[in-house]
């Protein structure tokens, strides 16, 4: 007993270290900028949400609807940002504080993973599954982002724990705890609705249930709906917003021109990412190495998953399969048969939890030496993936901090700083509030159009040099065409997600 407790504490400590280590190493990235914007005036706009102020955040045809992007939750649920709003009130608007919140929920998920798995299987499987979650590169990565991915994982794990107990013990206090944590999960992320539906399908599966169980479960669902009633209309408006502003009508683009292969490859890639993370194999890896990586995935994870799922297959395994597959199927169907892209890995991270549990169960069914060797290989691969992530050697997010530092170190008197969209302006000002930044074009348009640049023409006589920060490289020709009328391109810097251009006004060119 004491030995297993010590092992569990070591696993939790490992989860803490991996999620806290170098928490501030990476620059803030675009989705985290949205988080900062949502939190910055949260207590001002949330009042309009709750009161359903006409034309505010709930009318897709209203000009004010575009304010949803910069001064609202857009397609996000409110709980995570409510927590961050209170964190900012007490500790200030700091990205490291916000990332710490995500890390804490990620650490909590490691703890709950043990108890959830222990509810289903023996202690050794529970310890191994929590260990696999603790060292999972993909979970470490998203636990270090100021985004609501770990909070929904934590609350849904808690909801699943109490759901399974309530179904088998049928105690009111367990049902009420299920309602509580499901309600919190649904207020954390939209995809929690898909995962909650997996509970619904499991309950009404052929396993059977008593009339008393059915009445209590239906009562709990009705109570959840009642609790969500004030927010459900916003859920409708948010989905309208997602399709209107973010244009979800686009293909999964992994294999250009082959939509069906794209979707199938993406689903397979999701499970490989659940195992190895996003940094062990990057997009530039040669095809033979990708093949080797797939083979290693099958040998280390695929075989263990299959053995863990098939061993004494019963209602526990069906329960886990519902949680793992139902949300993937729900998002797979419209993505496969239409051009609507709902398959998003970070939104489906909960599906990795049953996958890891099956892998842990499969490994524990191996002969001892084979199990130890498999576990050693997984630890080595996880270590390599994590080290590449911590060293930032394969991270492809835009380095806003480094770009803003570079501009500050190299700017001169008479320089103008211009950005493609207001979000970049916010990124530069987050790190260097003293900067004066000019916006280029309209944020609503993906491409730069010369007509949108005309308002800055009068500025060309006021500055010597122009720093221009853009994210889309296909704007380069239009930028050069426009700026070539007034300035010459002096230098260009390229980095993942951001290109930086330095133009010099004609009248300030050095003599030939």
Protein backbone atom coordinates (compact mmCIF):
# COMPACT_ATOMS: atom_id res chain seq x y z
CA UNK A 1 0.00 0.00 0.00
CA UNK A 2 2.72 2.43 0.99
CA UNK A 3 4.81 1.51 -2.05
CA UNK A 4 1.99 2.21 -4.50
CA UNK A 5 1.23 5.51 -2.73
CA UNK A 6 4.86 6.56 -3.07
CA UNK A 7 4.85 5.63 -6.76
CA UNK A 8 1.67 7.65 -7.28
CA UNK A 9 3.18 10.69 -5.54
CA UNK A 10 6.30 10.42 -7.72
CA UNK A 11 4.10 10.30 -10.83
CA UNK A 12 2.20 13.39 -9.71
CA UNK A 13 5.47 15.18 -8.92
CA UNK A 14 6.75 14.28 -12.38
CA UNK A 15 3.57 15.72 -13.89
CA UNK A 16 4.11 18.91 -11.89
CA UNK A 17 7.73 19.32 -12.99
CA UNK A 18 7.03 18.68 -16.68
CA UNK A 19 4.13 21.16 -16.76
CA UNK A 20 5.86 23.92 -14.80
CA UNK A 21 9.33 23.63 -16.37
CA UNK A 22 10.09 26.49 -18.79
CA UNK A 23 6.48 27.65 -18.57
CA UNK A 24 7.44 31.09 -19.88
CA UNK A 25 9.98 29.88 -22.46
CA UNK A 26 7.77 30.18 -25.53
CA UNK A 27 6.50 33.49 -26.81
CA UNK A 28 2.82 34.21 -26.55
CA UNK A 29 1.09 32.91 -29.70
CA UNK A 30 -2.00 33.98 -31.60
CA UNK A 31 -4.59 31.90 -29.70
CA UNK A 32 -3.17 33.09 -26.39
CA UNK A 33 -3.50 36.66 -27.66
CA UNK A 34 -7.20 35.96 -28.04
CA UNK A 35 -7.19 34.78 -24.43
CA UNK A 36 -5.61 38.05 -23.29
CA UNK A 37 -8.14 40.06 -25.29
CA UNK A 38 -11.07 38.10 -23.90
CA UNK A 39 -9.86 38.54 -20.34
CA UNK A 40 -8.78 42.19 -20.62
CA UNK A 41 -12.31 43.62 -20.46
CA UNK A 42 -14.19 40.50 -19.35
CA UNK A 43 -16.20 42.10 -16.55
CA UNK A 44 -17.40 44.80 -18.95
CA UNK A 45 -18.72 42.66 -21.78
CA UNK A 46 -19.93 39.64 -19.78
CA UNK A 47 -22.74 41.84 -18.45
CA UNK A 48 -24.00 42.27 -22.02
CA UNK A 49 -23.84 38.51 -22.53
CA UNK A 50 -25.89 37.77 -19.42
CA UNK A 51 -28.41 40.52 -20.19
CA UNK A 52 -28.61 39.66 -23.92
CA UNK A 53 -28.18 43.31 -24.83
CA UNK A 54 -29.80 43.77 -28.29
CA UNK A 55 -27.25 43.78 -31.09
CA UNK A 56 -24.42 42.82 -28.76
CA UNK A 57 -22.83 39.40 -29.38
CA UNK A 58 -26.11 37.81 -30.42
CA UNK A 59 -26.99 39.09 -33.87
CA UNK A 60 -24.86 37.81 -36.71
CA UNK A 61 -26.25 40.47 -39.07
CA UNK A 62 -25.40 43.36 -36.77
CA UNK A 63 -22.29 45.51 -37.42
CA UNK A 64 -21.59 45.08 -33.73
CA UNK A 65 -21.22 41.34 -34.29
CA UNK A 66 -17.65 41.87 -35.43
CA UNK A 67 -17.00 43.09 -31.90
CA UNK A 68 -17.47 39.48 -30.91
CA UNK A 69 -13.93 38.83 -32.13
CA UNK A 70 -12.10 41.45 -30.11
CA UNK A 71 -14.42 42.15 -27.17
CA UNK A 72 -16.20 38.90 -26.48
CA UNK A 73 -15.85 35.16 -26.07
CA UNK A 74 -16.49 34.50 -29.81
CA UNK A 75 -16.97 30.70 -29.99
CA UNK A 76 -15.61 29.90 -26.52
CA UNK A 77 -17.43 28.90 -23.35
CA UNK A 78 -17.09 31.24 -20.34
CA UNK A 79 -15.74 29.25 -17.37
CA UNK A 80 -12.02 29.28 -18.18
CA UNK A 81 -12.04 32.98 -19.00
CA UNK A 82 -14.01 33.77 -15.86
CA UNK A 83 -11.28 32.09 -13.82
CA UNK A 84 -8.57 33.99 -15.70
CA UNK A 85 -10.45 37.26 -15.21
CA UNK A 86 -10.25 36.80 -11.45
CA UNK A 87 -6.61 35.69 -11.71
CA UNK A 88 -5.82 38.91 -13.62
CA UNK A 89 -7.67 40.97 -11.04
CA UNK A 90 -5.48 39.65 -8.23
CA UNK A 91 -2.18 38.93 -10.02
CA UNK A 92 -2.26 41.12 -13.12
CA UNK A 93 -2.47 40.43 -16.86
CA UNK A 94 0.44 38.03 -17.22
CA UNK A 95 0.60 35.16 -19.66
CA UNK A 96 2.64 33.06 -17.23
CA UNK A 97 -0.14 33.34 -14.62
CA UNK A 98 -2.68 32.23 -17.20
CA UNK A 99 -0.49 29.35 -18.34
CA UNK A 100 -0.08 28.33 -14.71
CA UNK A 101 -3.86 27.93 -14.44
CA UNK A 102 -3.77 25.53 -17.42
CA UNK A 103 -0.82 23.69 -15.88
CA UNK A 104 -2.66 23.24 -12.56
CA UNK A 105 -5.66 21.72 -14.30
CA UNK A 106 -3.27 19.50 -16.26
CA UNK A 107 -1.67 18.32 -13.02
CA UNK A 108 -5.12 17.72 -11.56
CA UNK A 109 -5.96 15.57 -14.59
CA UNK A 110 -3.00 13.29 -13.82
CA UNK A 111 -4.42 12.77 -10.32
CA UNK A 112 -7.99 12.14 -11.49
CA UNK A 113 -6.72 9.83 -14.26
CA UNK A 114 -5.44 7.47 -11.55
CA UNK A 115 -8.72 7.35 -9.65
CA UNK A 116 -10.79 7.04 -12.81
CA UNK A 117 -8.70 4.13 -14.11
CA UNK A 118 -8.62 2.52 -10.65
CA UNK A 119 -12.42 2.54 -10.73
CA UNK A 120 -12.25 0.28 -13.79
CA UNK A 121 -9.07 -1.76 -13.43
CA UNK A 122 -6.38 -2.87 -11.00
CA UNK A 123 -3.99 -0.50 -9.26
CA UNK A 124 -1.03 -1.25 -11.54
CA UNK A 125 -2.99 -0.25 -14.64
CA UNK A 126 -4.16 2.93 -12.86
CA UNK A 127 -0.59 3.87 -11.94
CA UNK A 128 0.70 3.23 -15.45
CA UNK A 129 -2.11 5.16 -17.14
CA UNK A 130 -1.53 8.18 -14.89
CA UNK A 131 2.20 7.90 -15.64
CA UNK A 132 1.56 7.83 -19.40
CA UNK A 133 -0.59 10.97 -19.02
CA UNK A 134 2.03 12.66 -16.82
CA UNK A 135 4.77 12.22 -19.45
CA UNK A 136 2.53 12.63 -22.52
CA UNK A 137 4.22 15.25 -24.74
CA UNK A 138 0.93 16.43 -26.24
CA UNK A 139 -0.66 16.94 -22.81
CA UNK A 140 2.43 18.75 -21.50
CA UNK A 141 2.33 21.05 -24.53
CA UNK A 142 -1.31 22.05 -24.06
CA UNK A 143 -0.91 22.30 -20.29
CA UNK A 144 1.54 25.13 -20.99
CA UNK A 145 -0.89 27.13 -23.12
CA UNK A 146 -3.31 29.75 -21.84
CA UNK A 147 -6.21 27.98 -23.50
CA UNK A 148 -9.17 25.97 -22.09
CA UNK A 149 -7.97 22.48 -23.10
CA UNK A 150 -6.81 21.13 -19.74
CA UNK A 151 -9.76 22.53 -17.81
CA UNK A 152 -12.28 20.59 -19.93
CA UNK A 153 -10.15 17.44 -19.63
CA UNK A 154 -10.10 17.77 -15.83
CA UNK A 155 -13.82 18.40 -15.41
CA UNK A 156 -14.86 15.72 -17.90
CA UNK A 157 -12.62 13.16 -16.20
CA UNK A 158 -14.29 14.01 -12.90
CA UNK A 159 -17.72 13.79 -14.55
CA UNK A 160 -16.88 10.38 -16.06
CA UNK A 161 -15.66 9.11 -12.69
CA UNK A 162 -18.88 10.03 -10.92
CA UNK A 163 -21.03 8.97 -13.88
CA UNK A 164 -19.64 5.44 -13.83
CA UNK A 165 -20.02 5.21 -10.06
CA UNK A 166 -23.55 6.63 -10.18
CA UNK A 167 -24.60 4.15 -12.87
CA UNK A 168 -23.35 1.19 -10.80
CA UNK A 169 -24.12 2.44 -7.29
CA UNK A 170 -27.19 4.59 -8.08
CA UNK A 171 -26.67 6.99 -5.16
CA UNK A 172 -28.16 10.49 -5.37
CA UNK A 173 -25.02 12.23 -4.16
CA UNK A 174 -23.04 10.59 -7.00
CA UNK A 175 -25.61 11.71 -9.56
CA UNK A 176 -25.45 15.25 -8.19
CA UNK A 177 -21.65 15.25 -8.42
CA UNK A 178 -22.00 14.05 -12.00
CA UNK A 179 -24.34 16.97 -12.75
CA UNK A 180 -21.93 19.42 -11.11
CA UNK A 181 -18.83 18.35 -13.04
CA UNK A 182 -20.69 17.88 -16.33
CA UNK A 183 -22.08 21.39 -16.00
CA UNK A 184 -18.55 22.75 -15.45
CA UNK A 185 -17.20 20.75 -18.41
CA UNK A 186 -19.94 22.09 -20.69
CA UNK A 187 -19.10 25.64 -19.60
CA UNK A 188 -15.43 24.97 -20.41
CA UNK A 189 -15.52 23.88 -24.05
CA UNK A 190 -18.10 23.27 -26.80
CA UNK A 191 -16.74 19.79 -27.58
CA UNK A 192 -17.69 18.71 -24.05
CA UNK A 193 -21.23 18.35 -25.46
CA UNK A 194 -19.97 15.60 -27.78
CA UNK A 195 -18.26 13.80 -24.92
CA UNK A 196 -21.31 14.11 -22.68
CA UNK A 197 -23.32 12.51 -25.49
CA UNK A 198 -20.97 9.49 -25.21
CA UNK A 199 -22.23 9.05 -21.63
CA UNK A 200 -25.79 9.18 -22.95
CA UNK A 201 -25.13 6.48 -25.54
CA UNK A 202 -23.40 4.27 -22.98
CA UNK A 203 -26.27 4.57 -20.51
CA UNK A 204 -28.85 3.52 -23.11
CA UNK A 205 -26.65 0.82 -24.64
CA UNK A 206 -27.83 -2.83 -24.49
CA UNK A 207 -26.11 -3.26 -21.09
CA UNK A 208 -29.52 -2.62 -19.47
CA UNK A 209 -30.60 -0.41 -16.57
CA UNK A 210 -33.33 -0.31 -13.95
CA UNK A 211 -36.28 2.07 -14.10
CA UNK A 212 -34.95 3.88 -11.03
CA UNK A 213 -31.56 4.39 -12.69
CA UNK A 214 -33.27 5.66 -15.82
CA UNK A 215 -35.41 8.14 -13.89
CA UNK A 216 -32.43 9.48 -11.99
CA UNK A 217 -30.28 9.83 -15.10
CA UNK A 218 -33.04 11.59 -17.04
CA UNK A 219 -33.58 13.87 -14.04
CA UNK A 220 -29.87 14.72 -14.05
CA UNK A 221 -29.94 15.54 -17.77
CA UNK A 222 -32.96 17.80 -17.25
CA UNK A 223 -31.18 19.53 -14.37
CA UNK A 224 -28.11 20.11 -16.54
CA UNK A 225 -30.31 21.63 -19.26
CA UNK A 226 -32.00 23.90 -16.70
CA UNK A 227 -28.60 25.05 -15.39
CA UNK A 228 -27.46 25.77 -18.95
CA UNK A 229 -30.64 27.53 -20.09
CA UNK A 230 -29.26 31.07 -19.57
CA UNK A 231 -26.30 30.19 -21.81
CA UNK A 232 -27.84 27.94 -24.48
CA UNK A 233 -28.92 30.82 -26.81
CA UNK A 234 -25.32 32.05 -26.76
CA UNK A 235 -24.21 28.58 -27.80
CA UNK A 236 -26.30 29.01 -30.95
CA UNK A 237 -24.89 32.48 -31.65
CA UNK A 238 -21.36 31.24 -31.02
CA UNK A 239 -21.68 28.51 -33.62
CA UNK A 240 -23.10 31.05 -36.09
CA UNK A 241 -20.08 33.19 -35.32
CA UNK A 242 -17.68 30.28 -35.83
CA UNK A 243 -19.00 29.64 -39.34
CA UNK A 244 -19.40 33.32 -40.22
CA UNK A 245 -16.16 34.88 -39.00
CA UNK A 246 -13.74 31.98 -38.78
CA UNK A 247 -15.10 30.29 -41.92
CA UNK A 248 -15.02 26.66 -40.85
CA UNK A 249 -16.05 25.67 -44.38
CA UNK A 250 -12.60 24.54 -45.42
CA UNK A 251 -10.94 21.23 -46.07
CA UNK A 252 -8.50 19.37 -43.87
CA UNK A 253 -5.36 20.04 -45.87
CA UNK A 254 -2.84 17.26 -45.29
CA UNK A 255 -2.68 15.73 -48.76
CA UNK A 256 -3.50 18.46 -51.27
CA UNK A 257 -6.34 17.56 -53.59
CA UNK A 258 -7.38 14.35 -51.81
CA UNK A 259 -10.05 15.34 -49.32
CA UNK A 260 -11.04 11.83 -48.19
CA UNK A 261 -7.43 10.78 -47.75
CA UNK A 262 -6.84 14.02 -45.85
CA UNK A 263 -9.49 13.20 -43.29
CA UNK A 264 -8.46 9.57 -42.82
CA UNK A 265 -4.80 10.56 -42.53
CA UNK A 266 -5.71 13.24 -40.00
CA UNK A 267 -7.56 10.76 -37.76
CA UNK A 268 -4.63 8.33 -37.87
CA UNK A 269 -2.25 11.22 -37.22
CA UNK A 270 -4.31 12.20 -34.17
CA UNK A 271 -3.60 8.88 -32.46
CA UNK A 272 0.07 9.02 -33.41
CA UNK A 273 0.17 12.51 -31.88
CA UNK A 274 -1.57 11.17 -28.76
CA UNK A 275 1.42 8.84 -28.45
CA UNK A 276 4.44 10.88 -29.58
CA UNK A 277 3.28 14.49 -29.31
CA UNK A 278 3.79 17.12 -32.03
CA UNK A 279 7.54 17.58 -31.71
CA UNK A 280 9.07 14.11 -32.16
CA UNK A 281 8.31 14.06 -35.90
CA UNK A 282 7.88 17.40 -37.65
CA UNK A 283 6.56 18.28 -41.09
CA UNK A 284 10.04 18.28 -42.64
CA UNK A 285 10.79 14.68 -41.63
CA UNK A 286 11.71 12.49 -44.60
CA UNK A 287 9.11 9.97 -45.77
CA UNK A 288 11.17 6.86 -44.78
CA UNK A 289 11.47 8.22 -41.24
CA UNK A 290 7.73 8.82 -41.16
CA UNK A 291 7.27 5.18 -42.11
CA UNK A 292 9.59 4.09 -39.32
CA UNK A 293 7.71 6.34 -36.90
CA UNK A 294 4.41 4.73 -37.90
CA UNK A 295 5.90 1.26 -37.43
CA UNK A 296 7.20 2.20 -33.97
CA UNK A 297 3.75 3.55 -33.10
CA UNK A 298 2.12 0.25 -34.08
CA UNK A 299 4.66 -1.82 -32.11
CA UNK A 300 4.68 0.28 -28.94
CA UNK A 301 1.17 1.66 -28.80
CA UNK A 302 -0.99 -0.11 -31.39
CA UNK A 303 -0.36 -3.65 -30.14
CA UNK A 304 -0.69 -2.62 -26.49
CA UNK A 305 -3.91 -0.73 -27.26
CA UNK A 306 -5.40 -3.75 -29.03
CA UNK A 307 -4.48 -6.14 -26.23
CA UNK A 308 -5.75 -3.75 -23.58
CA UNK A 309 -9.07 -3.25 -25.36
CA UNK A 310 -9.71 -6.92 -26.23
CA UNK A 311 -8.70 -8.44 -22.87
CA UNK A 312 -11.90 -9.63 -21.14
CA UNK A 313 -13.90 -7.28 -23.37
CA UNK A 314 -16.99 -6.09 -21.56
CA UNK A 315 -19.01 -3.05 -20.48
CA UNK A 316 -15.96 -1.24 -19.05
CA UNK A 317 -14.24 -1.38 -22.40
CA UNK A 318 -17.44 -0.32 -24.16
CA UNK A 319 -17.66 2.68 -21.79
CA UNK A 320 -14.11 3.75 -22.66
CA UNK A 321 -14.65 3.19 -26.39
CA UNK A 322 -17.74 5.41 -26.33
CA UNK A 323 -15.73 8.20 -24.72
CA UNK A 324 -12.85 7.78 -27.16
CA UNK A 325 -14.73 7.30 -30.44
CA UNK A 326 -18.14 9.00 -30.28
CA UNK A 327 -16.81 12.61 -30.45
CA UNK A 328 -14.36 11.62 -33.19
CA UNK A 329 -17.17 10.05 -35.24
CA UNK A 330 -19.42 13.09 -34.67
CA UNK A 331 -16.73 15.42 -36.00
CA UNK A 332 -15.46 12.96 -38.60
CA UNK A 333 -18.73 12.60 -40.52
CA UNK A 334 -19.23 16.26 -41.55
CA UNK A 335 -15.51 16.62 -42.19
CA UNK A 336 -15.41 13.52 -44.40
CA UNK A 337 -18.59 14.09 -46.39
CA UNK A 338 -18.53 17.89 -46.60
CA UNK A 339 -15.90 20.60 -46.50
CA UNK A 340 -16.67 21.49 -42.87
CA UNK A 341 -13.56 20.97 -40.79
CA UNK A 342 -14.57 19.93 -37.26
CA UNK A 343 -11.70 17.50 -36.66
CA UNK A 344 -9.39 19.53 -34.45
CA UNK A 345 -6.86 17.57 -32.41
CA UNK A 346 -6.63 19.92 -29.44
CA UNK A 347 -10.42 19.91 -29.10
CA UNK A 348 -10.44 16.09 -29.05
CA UNK A 349 -7.68 15.56 -26.50
CA UNK A 350 -10.11 13.82 -24.14
CA UNK A 351 -10.15 10.91 -26.60
CA UNK A 352 -6.49 10.31 -25.79
CA UNK A 353 -7.35 9.32 -22.20
CA UNK A 354 -9.14 6.00 -22.99
CA UNK A 355 -6.43 5.37 -25.57
CA UNK A 356 -3.73 5.69 -22.88
CA UNK A 357 -5.74 3.53 -20.46
CA UNK A 358 -6.00 0.74 -23.04
CA UNK A 359 -2.27 1.06 -23.77
CA UNK A 360 -1.48 0.83 -20.04
CA UNK A 361 -3.72 -2.22 -19.68
CA UNK A 362 -2.12 -3.88 -22.69
CA UNK A 363 1.43 -3.28 -21.41
CA UNK A 364 0.51 -4.76 -18.01
CA UNK A 365 -0.65 -7.93 -19.78
CA UNK A 366 2.77 -8.44 -21.37
CA UNK A 367 5.43 -10.72 -19.89
CA UNK A 368 7.47 -8.69 -17.40
CA UNK A 369 10.58 -8.25 -19.59
CA UNK A 370 8.53 -7.26 -22.64
CA UNK A 371 6.50 -4.82 -20.54
CA UNK A 372 9.66 -3.23 -19.12
CA UNK A 373 11.24 -2.92 -22.56
CA UNK A 374 8.07 -1.37 -24.04
CA UNK A 375 7.80 1.08 -21.17
CA UNK A 376 11.48 1.99 -21.51
CA UNK A 377 11.03 2.72 -25.23
CA UNK A 378 7.99 4.90 -24.51
CA UNK A 379 9.94 6.82 -21.86
CA UNK A 380 12.84 7.41 -24.26
CA UNK A 381 10.58 8.62 -27.07
CA UNK A 382 8.62 10.87 -24.71
CA UNK A 383 11.88 12.30 -23.37
CA UNK A 384 13.13 13.07 -26.88
CA UNK A 385 9.82 14.66 -27.86
CA UNK A 386 9.72 16.76 -24.68
CA UNK A 387 13.35 17.84 -25.00
CA UNK A 388 12.68 19.03 -28.57
CA UNK A 389 9.65 20.92 -27.31
CA UNK A 390 11.51 22.55 -24.39
CA UNK A 391 14.45 23.45 -26.64
CA UNK A 392 12.01 24.99 -29.16
CA UNK A 393 13.89 23.26 -31.97
CA UNK A 394 10.71 22.25 -33.83
CA UNK A 395 8.17 24.72 -32.45
CA UNK A 396 6.43 26.49 -35.32
CA UNK A 397 4.46 29.16 -33.47
CA UNK A 398 5.02 32.81 -34.28
CA UNK A 399 7.80 34.27 -32.07
CA UNK A 400 6.11 37.59 -31.22
CA UNK A 401 8.37 38.23 -28.24
CA UNK A 402 11.53 37.74 -30.27
CA UNK A 403 10.20 39.90 -33.12
CA UNK A 404 9.20 42.72 -30.79
CA UNK A 405 12.59 42.54 -29.02
CA UNK A 406 14.36 42.64 -32.37
CA UNK A 407 12.42 45.73 -33.48
CA UNK A 408 13.11 47.54 -30.20
CA UNK A 409 16.83 46.75 -30.41
CA UNK A 410 17.17 47.89 -34.04
CA UNK A 411 14.67 50.70 -34.51
CA UNK A 412 15.89 54.25 -35.00
CA UNK A 413 14.40 57.66 -34.62
CA UNK A 414 12.08 58.27 -37.57
CA UNK A 415 10.94 54.64 -37.88
CA UNK A 416 7.32 53.56 -38.25
CA UNK A 417 6.09 50.13 -37.10
CA UNK A 418 3.19 48.65 -39.08
CA UNK A 419 1.28 45.40 -38.51
CA UNK A 420 -1.06 43.39 -40.70
CA UNK A 421 -3.85 42.90 -38.12
CA UNK A 422 -4.69 44.43 -34.72
CA UNK A 423 -3.80 41.14 -33.03
CA UNK A 424 -0.12 41.68 -33.94
CA UNK A 425 -0.31 45.15 -32.50
CA UNK A 426 -1.55 43.67 -29.24
CA UNK A 427 1.33 41.15 -29.27
CA UNK A 428 3.96 43.87 -29.74
CA UNK A 429 2.41 46.09 -27.09
CA UNK A 430 2.17 43.20 -24.61
CA UNK A 431 5.96 42.89 -24.59
CA UNK A 432 6.79 46.55 -25.29
CA UNK A 433 3.97 48.92 -24.31
CA UNK A 434 6.13 51.91 -25.30
CA UNK A 435 5.93 51.06 -29.01
CA UNK A 436 3.77 53.11 -31.37
CA UNK A 437 2.16 50.71 -33.86
CA UNK A 438 0.14 51.44 -37.02
CA UNK A 439 -2.40 48.95 -38.37
CA UNK A 440 -2.30 47.93 -42.06
CA UNK A 441 -5.53 47.07 -43.84
CA UNK A 442 -8.68 45.54 -42.44
CA UNK A 443 -8.55 42.63 -40.02
CA UNK A 444 -11.65 41.05 -41.57
CA UNK A 445 -9.81 40.28 -44.82
CA UNK A 446 -7.30 37.48 -45.09
CA UNK A 447 -5.34 39.10 -47.93
CA UNK A 448 -3.99 42.61 -48.24
CA UNK A 449 -5.69 44.76 -50.87
CA UNK A 450 -4.13 47.97 -52.13
CA UNK A 451 -7.34 49.91 -51.52
CA UNK A 452 -7.03 49.03 -47.82
CA UNK A 453 -3.50 50.44 -47.76
CA UNK A 454 -4.39 53.83 -49.23
CA UNK A 455 -5.11 55.45 -45.82
CA UNK A 456 -1.43 55.08 -44.87
CA UNK A 457 -0.13 56.93 -47.97
CA UNK A 458 0.07 60.28 -46.13
CA UNK A 459 2.39 58.64 -43.59
CA UNK A 460 5.16 58.08 -46.12
CA UNK A 461 6.36 61.62 -45.87
CA UNK A 462 6.57 61.48 -42.08
CA UNK A 463 8.94 58.53 -41.52
CA UNK A 464 12.34 57.40 -42.73
CA UNK A 465 11.93 53.63 -42.36
CA UNK A 466 8.95 51.29 -42.11
CA UNK A 467 8.90 48.01 -40.17
CA UNK A 468 6.08 45.85 -41.57
CA UNK A 469 4.95 42.70 -39.75
CA UNK A 470 2.71 40.22 -41.59
CA UNK A 471 1.73 36.58 -41.12
CA UNK A 472 0.76 35.55 -44.66
CA UNK A 473 3.66 35.20 -47.06
CA UNK A 474 1.28 35.36 -50.04
CA UNK A 475 0.88 39.07 -49.25
CA UNK A 476 4.55 39.71 -50.08
CA UNK A 477 4.06 40.66 -53.74
CA UNK A 478 1.22 43.05 -52.93
CA UNK A 479 3.22 44.64 -50.14
CA UNK A 480 6.28 45.13 -52.33
CA UNK A 481 4.16 46.44 -55.17
CA UNK A 482 2.56 49.01 -52.90
CA UNK A 483 5.64 50.05 -50.93
CA UNK A 484 7.83 50.18 -54.06
CA UNK A 485 6.00 53.39 -55.02
CA UNK A 486 7.33 55.15 -51.93
CA UNK A 487 10.19 53.07 -50.50
CA UNK A 488 12.63 50.30 -51.22
CA UNK A 489 12.87 46.95 -49.43
CA UNK A 490 16.02 47.08 -47.32
CA UNK A 491 15.80 43.75 -45.51
CA UNK A 492 13.48 40.83 -44.82
CA UNK A 493 13.36 38.42 -41.88
CA UNK A 494 11.41 35.17 -41.96
CA UNK A 495 10.23 33.16 -38.96
CA UNK A 496 7.42 30.64 -38.34
CA UNK A 497 4.10 32.43 -38.66
CA UNK A 498 5.56 35.93 -38.99
CA UNK A 499 7.56 37.76 -41.65
CA UNK A 500 9.18 41.10 -40.91
CA UNK A 501 10.04 43.63 -43.64
CA UNK A 502 12.10 46.80 -43.36
CA UNK A 503 11.47 49.48 -46.00
CA UNK A 504 13.36 52.77 -46.41
CA UNK A 505 11.72 55.88 -47.83
CA UNK A 506 13.18 57.05 -51.17
CA UNK A 507 14.24 60.44 -49.87
CA UNK A 508 16.36 58.76 -47.20
CA UNK A 509 18.24 56.39 -49.45
CA UNK A 510 22.01 56.71 -49.19
CA UNK A 511 23.70 58.20 -52.33
CA UNK A 512 24.90 55.71 -54.93
